[in-house]
């Protein structure tokens, strides 16, 4: 299998499906990264532990038992089987740092793709926020317009009522002195 073929096989959907939101951060788990890098999870963990100073808490953290249980319930089934150790979760910066720890060509190429996908997701989120703000502005303008239309209809209704009253006044039977 050539490097080009390997890039084609690694689709955005495959990577995005392995990104989870844990502790308010988008992260990837060690087992998923190991699978993408085509290395064993224990090999990835060993490389990280040898270079632990490169992975501060905002780059990587270990899941708590509660987080692991919650994650498994979200996925539906346990894809990890009988894991002996709780998984490590890598933020975007942690994934980026992995490229300096894992030196295989596959790991470097996969890492580049993952970072591009994280960047694309961030850009989409920013664009999404801008769209939401624009929609809110339009809603506000429409609400103002609706209020203005309601006011105009109220004035028209009052005008019609006063016109009707005048018409009734002129058409009513007169009583009293007639010339």
N, C-alpha and C. Protein backbone atom coordinates (compact mmCIF):
# COMPACT_ATOMS: atom_id res chain seq x y z
N UNK A 1 0.85 -1.18 0.00
CA UNK A 1 0.00 0.00 0.00
C UNK A 1 0.90 1.24 0.00
N UNK A 2 0.68 2.16 -0.92
CA UNK A 2 1.51 3.35 -0.99
C UNK A 2 1.01 4.39 -0.01
N UNK A 3 1.86 5.42 0.22
CA UNK A 3 1.48 6.49 1.14
C UNK A 3 0.27 7.25 0.62
N UNK A 4 0.16 7.40 -0.68
CA UNK A 4 -0.97 8.10 -1.28
C UNK A 4 -2.27 7.35 -1.02
N UNK A 5 -2.24 6.04 -1.18
CA UNK A 5 -3.43 5.22 -0.93
C UNK A 5 -3.83 5.32 0.53
N UNK A 6 -2.86 5.35 1.42
CA UNK A 6 -3.13 5.43 2.85
C UNK A 6 -3.85 6.73 3.18
N UNK A 7 -3.47 7.81 2.51
CA UNK A 7 -4.11 9.11 2.75
C UNK A 7 -5.57 9.07 2.31
N UNK A 8 -5.85 8.42 1.21
CA UNK A 8 -7.21 8.36 0.69
C UNK A 8 -8.09 7.54 1.63
N UNK A 9 -7.57 6.48 2.19
CA UNK A 9 -8.34 5.62 3.08
C UNK A 9 -8.74 6.37 4.35
N UNK A 10 -7.89 7.24 4.84
CA UNK A 10 -8.16 7.99 6.07
C UNK A 10 -9.06 9.18 5.73
N UNK A 11 -10.36 8.96 5.81
CA UNK A 11 -11.31 10.01 5.45
C UNK A 11 -11.57 10.94 6.63
N UNK A 12 -12.11 12.10 6.32
CA UNK A 12 -12.44 13.07 7.37
C UNK A 12 -13.46 12.47 8.33
N UNK A 13 -14.43 11.74 7.78
CA UNK A 13 -15.47 11.15 8.63
C UNK A 13 -14.87 10.17 9.62
N UNK A 14 -13.87 9.40 9.16
CA UNK A 14 -13.24 8.42 10.04
C UNK A 14 -12.55 9.13 11.21
N UNK A 15 -11.92 10.25 10.93
CA UNK A 15 -11.24 10.99 11.99
C UNK A 15 -12.25 11.70 12.88
N UNK A 16 -13.23 12.37 12.27
CA UNK A 16 -14.22 13.12 13.04
C UNK A 16 -15.01 12.20 13.96
N UNK A 17 -15.26 10.97 13.52
CA UNK A 17 -16.00 10.03 14.37
C UNK A 17 -15.20 9.63 15.61
N UNK A 18 -13.92 9.91 15.61
CA UNK A 18 -13.07 9.55 16.75
C UNK A 18 -12.73 10.76 17.62
N UNK A 19 -13.38 11.87 17.36
CA UNK A 19 -13.19 13.07 18.18
C UNK A 19 -14.37 13.18 19.14
N UNK A 20 -14.06 13.28 20.42
CA UNK A 20 -15.08 13.33 21.46
C UNK A 20 -14.99 14.65 22.21
N UNK A 21 -16.09 15.04 22.82
CA UNK A 21 -16.11 16.24 23.66
C UNK A 21 -16.09 15.78 25.11
N UNK A 22 -14.95 15.98 25.75
CA UNK A 22 -14.78 15.58 27.15
C UNK A 22 -14.18 16.77 27.89
N UNK A 23 -14.77 17.08 29.04
CA UNK A 23 -14.34 18.23 29.86
C UNK A 23 -14.36 19.53 29.05
N UNK A 24 -15.30 19.60 28.14
CA UNK A 24 -15.46 20.82 27.34
C UNK A 24 -14.41 20.98 26.26
N UNK A 25 -13.64 19.93 25.97
CA UNK A 25 -12.59 20.00 24.97
C UNK A 25 -12.78 18.89 23.94
N UNK A 26 -12.40 19.19 22.71
CA UNK A 26 -12.41 18.15 21.68
C UNK A 26 -11.14 17.35 21.84
N UNK A 27 -11.31 16.04 22.01
CA UNK A 27 -10.16 15.17 22.25
C UNK A 27 -10.25 13.91 21.42
N UNK A 28 -9.10 13.26 21.28
CA UNK A 28 -9.04 11.93 20.66
C UNK A 28 -8.41 11.00 21.68
N UNK A 29 -8.88 9.76 21.70
CA UNK A 29 -8.39 8.78 22.67
C UNK A 29 -7.18 8.03 22.14
N UNK A 30 -6.36 7.57 23.08
CA UNK A 30 -5.12 6.90 22.71
C UNK A 30 -5.34 5.68 21.81
N UNK A 31 -6.35 4.88 22.08
CA UNK A 31 -6.60 3.68 21.27
C UNK A 31 -6.97 4.05 19.84
N UNK A 32 -7.77 5.10 19.68
CA UNK A 32 -8.16 5.55 18.34
C UNK A 32 -6.96 6.10 17.58
N UNK A 33 -6.13 6.88 18.28
CA UNK A 33 -4.93 7.43 17.64
C UNK A 33 -3.97 6.32 17.25
N UNK A 34 -3.80 5.36 18.14
CA UNK A 34 -2.91 4.22 17.85
C UNK A 34 -3.39 3.48 16.60
N UNK A 35 -4.70 3.31 16.50
CA UNK A 35 -5.26 2.63 15.32
C UNK A 35 -4.97 3.43 14.05
N UNK A 36 -5.15 4.74 14.11
CA UNK A 36 -4.89 5.59 12.94
C UNK A 36 -3.40 5.59 12.58
N UNK A 37 -2.54 5.61 13.60
CA UNK A 37 -1.09 5.63 13.37
C UNK A 37 -0.53 4.26 13.03
N UNK A 38 -1.38 3.25 13.14
CA UNK A 38 -0.98 1.87 12.88
C UNK A 38 0.12 1.40 13.82
N UNK A 39 -0.07 1.71 15.10
CA UNK A 39 0.82 1.22 16.16
C UNK A 39 -0.07 0.64 17.26
N UNK A 40 0.53 -0.10 18.16
CA UNK A 40 -0.23 -0.62 19.29
C UNK A 40 -0.44 0.48 20.32
N UNK A 41 -1.54 0.41 21.04
CA UNK A 41 -1.85 1.43 22.05
C UNK A 41 -0.75 1.50 23.10
N UNK A 42 -0.26 0.34 23.52
CA UNK A 42 0.79 0.35 24.55
C UNK A 42 2.07 1.01 24.03
N UNK A 43 2.34 0.88 22.72
CA UNK A 43 3.51 1.53 22.15
C UNK A 43 3.33 3.05 22.17
N UNK A 44 2.13 3.51 21.85
CA UNK A 44 1.84 4.95 21.88
C UNK A 44 1.96 5.47 23.31
N UNK A 45 1.38 4.75 24.27
CA UNK A 45 1.44 5.18 25.66
C UNK A 45 2.88 5.19 26.17
N UNK A 46 3.66 4.20 25.76
CA UNK A 46 5.05 4.12 26.18
C UNK A 46 5.83 5.33 25.67
N UNK A 47 5.59 5.70 24.41
CA UNK A 47 6.28 6.86 23.83
C UNK A 47 5.87 8.14 24.55
N UNK A 48 4.61 8.24 24.92
CA UNK A 48 4.13 9.43 25.63
C UNK A 48 4.76 9.49 27.02
N UNK A 49 4.79 8.36 27.73
CA UNK A 49 5.35 8.35 29.09
C UNK A 49 6.85 8.66 29.09
N UNK A 50 7.56 8.24 28.02
CA UNK A 50 8.99 8.55 27.93
C UNK A 50 9.20 10.05 27.71
N UNK A 51 8.20 10.72 27.16
CA UNK A 51 8.30 12.15 26.85
C UNK A 51 7.19 12.94 27.55
N UNK A 52 6.88 12.57 28.77
CA UNK A 52 5.74 13.13 29.49
C UNK A 52 5.83 14.65 29.66
N UNK A 53 7.05 15.20 29.69
CA UNK A 53 7.20 16.66 29.85
C UNK A 53 6.64 17.41 28.64
N UNK A 54 6.45 16.74 27.53
CA UNK A 54 5.87 17.36 26.33
C UNK A 54 4.34 17.40 26.37
N UNK A 55 3.74 16.76 27.37
CA UNK A 55 2.29 16.64 27.44
C UNK A 55 1.73 17.17 28.76
N UNK A 56 1.64 18.51 28.87
CA UNK A 56 1.00 19.07 30.07
C UNK A 56 -0.50 18.76 30.08
N UNK A 57 -1.16 19.12 31.15
CA UNK A 57 -2.58 18.78 31.33
C UNK A 57 -3.49 19.32 30.22
N UNK A 58 -3.13 20.45 29.60
CA UNK A 58 -3.99 20.98 28.54
C UNK A 58 -3.70 20.32 27.19
N UNK A 59 -2.71 19.42 27.13
CA UNK A 59 -2.40 18.66 25.92
C UNK A 59 -2.95 17.23 26.02
N UNK A 60 -2.95 16.69 27.24
CA UNK A 60 -3.35 15.30 27.43
C UNK A 60 -3.80 15.10 28.88
N UNK A 61 -4.81 14.27 29.06
CA UNK A 61 -5.23 13.91 30.42
C UNK A 61 -5.78 12.49 30.41
N UNK A 62 -5.78 11.89 31.59
CA UNK A 62 -6.30 10.53 31.72
C UNK A 62 -7.77 10.62 32.10
N UNK A 63 -8.60 9.82 31.44
CA UNK A 63 -10.02 9.83 31.75
C UNK A 63 -10.28 9.25 33.13
N UNK A 64 -11.27 9.79 33.79
CA UNK A 64 -11.70 9.21 35.06
C UNK A 64 -12.61 8.02 34.74
N UNK A 65 -12.85 7.18 35.73
CA UNK A 65 -13.73 6.03 35.52
C UNK A 65 -15.12 6.49 35.11
N UNK A 66 -15.59 7.58 35.71
CA UNK A 66 -16.92 8.11 35.40
C UNK A 66 -16.97 8.59 33.94
N UNK A 67 -15.93 9.28 33.50
CA UNK A 67 -15.88 9.76 32.11
C UNK A 67 -15.85 8.58 31.14
N UNK A 68 -15.09 7.56 31.48
CA UNK A 68 -14.99 6.37 30.63
C UNK A 68 -16.35 5.68 30.53
N UNK A 69 -17.02 5.56 31.66
CA UNK A 69 -18.34 4.91 31.68
C UNK A 69 -19.33 5.74 30.85
N UNK A 70 -19.29 7.05 31.00
CA UNK A 70 -20.17 7.94 30.24
C UNK A 70 -19.88 7.84 28.74
N UNK A 71 -18.62 7.81 28.39
CA UNK A 71 -18.22 7.71 26.99
C UNK A 71 -18.70 6.39 26.39
N UNK A 72 -18.54 5.31 27.12
CA UNK A 72 -18.99 4.00 26.63
C UNK A 72 -20.50 3.99 26.41
N UNK A 73 -21.24 4.65 27.31
CA UNK A 73 -22.70 4.68 27.15
C UNK A 73 -23.10 5.52 25.93
N UNK A 74 -22.32 6.56 25.61
CA UNK A 74 -22.60 7.38 24.43
C UNK A 74 -22.35 6.60 23.15
N UNK A 75 -21.30 5.81 23.15
CA UNK A 75 -20.93 5.05 21.96
C UNK A 75 -21.89 3.88 21.78
N UNK A 76 -22.38 3.35 22.87
CA UNK A 76 -23.33 2.25 22.79
C UNK A 76 -22.73 0.92 23.17
N UNK A 77 -21.51 0.67 22.73
CA UNK A 77 -20.83 -0.57 23.10
C UNK A 77 -19.39 -0.25 23.45
N UNK A 78 -18.78 -1.13 24.14
CA UNK A 78 -17.38 -0.94 24.51
C UNK A 78 -16.50 -1.39 23.36
N UNK A 79 -15.84 -0.43 22.75
CA UNK A 79 -14.94 -0.79 21.65
C UNK A 79 -13.56 -1.14 22.20
N UNK A 80 -13.37 -0.93 23.48
CA UNK A 80 -12.05 -1.19 24.05
C UNK A 80 -11.97 -2.57 24.67
N UNK A 81 -13.07 -3.25 24.76
CA UNK A 81 -13.05 -4.57 25.37
C UNK A 81 -12.70 -4.47 26.84
N UNK A 82 -11.84 -5.33 27.31
CA UNK A 82 -11.44 -5.30 28.71
C UNK A 82 -10.16 -4.49 28.88
N UNK A 83 -10.29 -3.19 28.97
CA UNK A 83 -9.11 -2.33 29.09
C UNK A 83 -8.58 -2.39 30.52
N UNK A 84 -7.28 -2.53 30.62
CA UNK A 84 -6.67 -2.58 31.94
C UNK A 84 -6.45 -1.17 32.50
N UNK A 85 -6.15 -0.23 31.62
CA UNK A 85 -5.85 1.13 32.04
C UNK A 85 -6.84 2.09 31.41
N UNK A 86 -7.14 3.15 32.15
CA UNK A 86 -8.05 4.13 31.57
C UNK A 86 -7.36 4.85 30.42
N UNK A 87 -8.12 5.18 29.39
CA UNK A 87 -7.52 5.81 28.20
C UNK A 87 -6.97 7.21 28.47
N UNK A 88 -6.03 7.58 27.63
CA UNK A 88 -5.52 8.94 27.64
C UNK A 88 -6.29 9.72 26.57
N UNK A 89 -6.62 10.95 26.88
CA UNK A 89 -7.33 11.81 25.93
C UNK A 89 -6.36 12.92 25.52
N UNK A 90 -6.22 13.12 24.20
CA UNK A 90 -5.31 14.11 23.66
C UNK A 90 -6.10 15.25 23.03
N UNK A 91 -5.78 16.48 23.44
CA UNK A 91 -6.40 17.64 22.80
C UNK A 91 -5.70 17.86 21.47
N UNK A 92 -6.14 18.88 20.74
CA UNK A 92 -5.53 19.18 19.44
C UNK A 92 -4.03 19.41 19.60
N UNK A 93 -3.64 20.13 20.64
CA UNK A 93 -2.21 20.39 20.86
C UNK A 93 -1.47 19.10 21.21
N UNK A 94 -2.13 18.23 21.96
CA UNK A 94 -1.53 16.94 22.31
C UNK A 94 -1.32 16.06 21.09
N UNK A 95 -2.32 16.06 20.20
CA UNK A 95 -2.19 15.29 18.96
C UNK A 95 -1.02 15.85 18.14
N UNK A 96 -0.93 17.16 18.10
CA UNK A 96 0.18 17.80 17.38
C UNK A 96 1.52 17.39 17.99
N UNK A 97 1.59 17.35 19.30
CA UNK A 97 2.83 16.98 19.98
C UNK A 97 3.19 15.51 19.73
N UNK A 98 2.20 14.67 19.49
CA UNK A 98 2.48 13.25 19.22
C UNK A 98 3.38 13.07 18.00
N UNK A 99 3.29 13.99 17.04
CA UNK A 99 4.12 13.85 15.84
C UNK A 99 5.61 13.94 16.18
N UNK A 100 5.93 14.65 17.26
CA UNK A 100 7.34 14.74 17.64
C UNK A 100 7.78 13.51 18.44
N UNK A 101 6.84 12.75 18.95
CA UNK A 101 7.14 11.57 19.76
C UNK A 101 7.15 10.31 18.90
N UNK A 102 6.16 10.22 17.99
CA UNK A 102 6.09 9.06 17.08
C UNK A 102 6.70 9.47 15.75
N UNK A 103 7.77 8.82 15.36
CA UNK A 103 8.51 9.26 14.18
C UNK A 103 8.27 8.45 12.92
N UNK A 104 7.28 7.57 12.92
CA UNK A 104 7.04 6.80 11.71
C UNK A 104 6.41 7.69 10.65
N UNK A 105 6.62 7.36 9.38
CA UNK A 105 6.06 8.15 8.28
C UNK A 105 4.53 8.16 8.34
N UNK A 106 3.96 7.01 8.68
CA UNK A 106 2.51 6.91 8.79
C UNK A 106 2.00 7.86 9.86
N UNK A 107 2.64 7.85 11.03
CA UNK A 107 2.21 8.72 12.13
C UNK A 107 2.29 10.19 11.73
N UNK A 108 3.33 10.57 11.04
CA UNK A 108 3.50 11.97 10.62
C UNK A 108 2.41 12.36 9.63
N UNK A 109 2.15 11.52 8.63
CA UNK A 109 1.13 11.82 7.62
C UNK A 109 -0.28 11.87 8.25
N UNK A 110 -0.56 10.91 9.09
CA UNK A 110 -1.87 10.87 9.75
C UNK A 110 -2.02 12.09 10.65
N UNK A 111 -0.96 12.43 11.35
CA UNK A 111 -0.99 13.59 12.25
C UNK A 111 -1.30 14.87 11.49
N UNK A 112 -0.70 15.03 10.34
CA UNK A 112 -0.95 16.22 9.52
C UNK A 112 -2.43 16.28 9.14
N UNK A 113 -2.98 15.15 8.75
CA UNK A 113 -4.41 15.12 8.38
C UNK A 113 -5.30 15.44 9.59
N UNK A 114 -4.97 14.89 10.72
CA UNK A 114 -5.78 15.13 11.92
C UNK A 114 -5.75 16.61 12.28
N UNK A 115 -4.58 17.22 12.25
CA UNK A 115 -4.46 18.65 12.58
C UNK A 115 -5.26 19.48 11.58
N UNK A 116 -5.21 19.12 10.30
CA UNK A 116 -6.00 19.84 9.28
C UNK A 116 -7.50 19.72 9.58
N UNK A 117 -7.93 18.55 10.00
CA UNK A 117 -9.35 18.35 10.32
C UNK A 117 -9.75 19.17 11.54
N UNK A 118 -8.90 19.17 12.58
CA UNK A 118 -9.18 20.00 13.75
C UNK A 118 -9.30 21.47 13.34
N UNK A 119 -8.39 21.93 12.48
CA UNK A 119 -8.42 23.32 12.01
C UNK A 119 -9.70 23.60 11.24
N UNK A 120 -10.08 22.68 10.37
CA UNK A 120 -11.31 22.83 9.59
C UNK A 120 -12.53 22.90 10.50
N UNK A 121 -12.55 22.05 11.53
CA UNK A 121 -13.66 22.06 12.48
C UNK A 121 -13.74 23.40 13.21
N UNK A 122 -12.58 23.93 13.59
CA UNK A 122 -12.55 25.23 14.28
C UNK A 122 -13.08 26.32 13.37
N UNK A 123 -12.66 26.31 12.09
CA UNK A 123 -13.13 27.30 11.12
C UNK A 123 -14.64 27.18 10.92
N UNK A 124 -15.14 25.94 10.83
CA UNK A 124 -16.58 25.73 10.67
C UNK A 124 -17.34 26.25 11.88
N UNK A 125 -16.79 26.07 13.07
CA UNK A 125 -17.43 26.55 14.28
C UNK A 125 -17.50 28.07 14.28
N UNK A 126 -16.41 28.71 13.86
CA UNK A 126 -16.39 30.18 13.80
C UNK A 126 -17.43 30.65 12.78
N UNK A 127 -17.47 30.03 11.63
CA UNK A 127 -18.45 30.39 10.60
C UNK A 127 -19.86 30.16 11.13
N UNK A 128 -20.06 29.07 11.83
CA UNK A 128 -21.36 28.74 12.40
C UNK A 128 -21.78 29.82 13.40
N UNK A 129 -20.86 30.27 14.24
CA UNK A 129 -21.17 31.31 15.21
C UNK A 129 -21.58 32.60 14.50
N UNK A 130 -20.85 32.94 13.42
CA UNK A 130 -21.19 34.15 12.67
C UNK A 130 -22.58 34.03 12.07
N UNK A 131 -22.93 32.86 11.55
CA UNK A 131 -24.27 32.65 10.99
C UNK A 131 -25.34 32.78 12.06
N UNK A 132 -25.07 32.24 13.23
CA UNK A 132 -26.04 32.34 14.32
C UNK A 132 -26.25 33.81 14.70
N UNK A 133 -25.17 34.57 14.78
CA UNK A 133 -25.30 36.00 15.10
C UNK A 133 -26.10 36.73 14.04
N UNK A 134 -25.85 36.43 12.77
CA UNK A 134 -26.61 37.06 11.69
C UNK A 134 -28.09 36.70 11.77
N UNK A 135 -28.39 35.45 12.05
CA UNK A 135 -29.78 35.02 12.18
C UNK A 135 -30.46 35.75 13.34
N UNK A 136 -29.74 35.92 14.45
CA UNK A 136 -30.30 36.64 15.60
C UNK A 136 -30.59 38.10 15.23
N UNK A 137 -29.68 38.72 14.46
CA UNK A 137 -29.91 40.10 14.03
C UNK A 137 -31.14 40.18 13.13
N UNK A 138 -31.28 39.23 12.23
CA UNK A 138 -32.44 39.22 11.33
C UNK A 138 -33.72 39.01 12.14
N UNK A 139 -33.69 38.11 13.12
CA UNK A 139 -34.86 37.90 13.97
C UNK A 139 -35.25 39.20 14.67
N UNK A 140 -34.23 39.89 15.19
CA UNK A 140 -34.48 41.15 15.90
C UNK A 140 -35.12 42.17 14.95
N UNK A 141 -34.59 42.25 13.74
CA UNK A 141 -35.14 43.18 12.74
C UNK A 141 -36.57 42.78 12.39
N UNK A 142 -36.81 41.49 12.21
CA UNK A 142 -38.16 41.03 11.89
C UNK A 142 -39.13 41.33 13.02
N UNK A 143 -38.67 41.17 14.24
CA UNK A 143 -39.52 41.48 15.40
C UNK A 143 -39.88 42.96 15.38
N UNK A 144 -38.88 43.81 15.09
CA UNK A 144 -39.14 45.24 14.98
C UNK A 144 -40.14 45.52 13.86
N UNK A 145 -39.94 44.87 12.73
CA UNK A 145 -40.86 45.05 11.60
C UNK A 145 -42.26 44.56 11.95
N UNK A 146 -42.33 43.41 12.62
CA UNK A 146 -43.63 42.88 13.04
C UNK A 146 -44.35 43.88 13.94
N UNK A 147 -43.59 44.45 14.88
CA UNK A 147 -44.19 45.43 15.79
C UNK A 147 -44.68 46.66 15.01
N UNK A 148 -43.89 47.08 14.03
CA UNK A 148 -44.29 48.24 13.22
C UNK A 148 -45.55 47.92 12.42
N UNK A 149 -45.62 46.71 11.85
CA UNK A 149 -46.80 46.32 11.09
C UNK A 149 -48.03 46.26 12.00
N UNK A 150 -47.85 45.71 13.19
CA UNK A 150 -48.96 45.66 14.13
C UNK A 150 -49.47 47.06 14.47
N UNK A 151 -48.54 47.97 14.64
CA UNK A 151 -48.91 49.35 14.94
C UNK A 151 -49.67 49.97 13.76
N UNK A 152 -49.19 49.73 12.56
CA UNK A 152 -49.87 50.25 11.36
C UNK A 152 -51.27 49.65 11.25
N UNK A 153 -51.41 48.36 11.46
CA UNK A 153 -52.73 47.72 11.41
C UNK A 153 -53.66 48.29 12.49
N UNK A 154 -53.11 48.56 13.66
CA UNK A 154 -53.91 49.14 14.73
C UNK A 154 -54.41 50.54 14.32
N UNK A 155 -53.53 51.35 13.73
CA UNK A 155 -53.93 52.68 13.25
C UNK A 155 -54.99 52.57 12.16
N UNK A 156 -54.80 51.62 11.23
CA UNK A 156 -55.78 51.42 10.16
C UNK A 156 -57.13 50.99 10.74
N UNK A 157 -57.09 50.13 11.75
CA UNK A 157 -58.33 49.67 12.38
C UNK A 157 -59.05 50.84 13.05
N UNK A 158 -58.29 51.68 13.76
CA UNK A 158 -58.89 52.84 14.43
C UNK A 158 -59.47 53.81 13.39
N UNK A 159 -58.71 54.01 12.30
CA UNK A 159 -59.17 54.90 11.24
C UNK A 159 -60.47 54.38 10.64
N UNK A 160 -60.50 53.08 10.39
CA UNK A 160 -61.71 52.45 9.82
C UNK A 160 -62.88 52.58 10.79
N UNK A 161 -62.61 52.39 12.09
CA UNK A 161 -63.67 52.52 13.09
C UNK A 161 -64.21 53.94 13.15
N UNK A 162 -63.31 54.93 13.11
CA UNK A 162 -63.77 56.33 13.16
C UNK A 162 -64.54 56.68 11.88
N UNK A 163 -64.09 56.15 10.74
CA UNK A 163 -64.78 56.37 9.47
C UNK A 163 -66.18 55.75 9.53
N UNK A 164 -66.27 54.55 10.10
CA UNK A 164 -67.55 53.86 10.24
C UNK A 164 -68.48 54.65 11.16
N UNK A 165 -67.92 55.19 12.24
CA UNK A 165 -68.73 55.99 13.16
C UNK A 165 -69.29 57.22 12.46
N UNK A 166 -68.46 57.90 11.66
CA UNK A 166 -68.90 59.09 10.93
C UNK A 166 -70.00 58.71 9.94
N UNK A 167 -69.81 57.57 9.25
CA UNK A 167 -70.80 57.11 8.29
C UNK A 167 -72.13 56.81 8.99
N UNK A 168 -72.06 56.15 10.13
CA UNK A 168 -73.27 55.85 10.90
C UNK A 168 -73.93 57.14 11.39
N UNK A 169 -73.10 58.10 11.75
CA UNK A 169 -73.59 59.38 12.24
C UNK A 169 -74.37 60.09 11.13
N UNK A 170 -73.87 60.08 9.91
CA UNK A 170 -74.54 60.77 8.81
C UNK A 170 -75.75 59.99 8.32
N UNK A 171 -75.77 58.68 8.43
CA UNK A 171 -76.87 57.86 7.92
C UNK A 171 -77.98 57.63 8.95
N UNK A 172 -77.81 58.02 10.16
CA UNK A 172 -78.85 57.74 11.15
C UNK A 172 -80.06 58.63 10.98
N UNK A 173 -81.14 58.19 11.47
CA UNK A 173 -82.40 58.93 11.36
C UNK A 173 -82.33 60.13 12.29
N UNK A 174 -82.61 61.24 11.72
CA UNK A 174 -82.54 62.46 12.51
C UNK A 174 -83.86 62.65 13.27
N UNK A 175 -83.70 63.16 14.44
CA UNK A 175 -84.90 63.48 15.20
C UNK A 175 -84.88 64.97 15.54
N UNK A 176 -85.97 65.50 15.91
CA UNK A 176 -86.01 66.90 16.28
C UNK A 176 -86.45 67.78 15.14
N UNK A 177 -86.07 69.05 15.17
CA UNK A 177 -86.50 70.04 14.19
C UNK A 177 -85.95 69.75 12.84
N UNK A 178 -86.86 69.69 11.81
CA UNK A 178 -86.43 69.42 10.45
C UNK A 178 -86.73 70.66 9.63
N UNK A 179 -85.77 71.16 8.90
CA UNK A 179 -86.03 72.35 8.05
C UNK A 179 -86.86 72.08 6.82
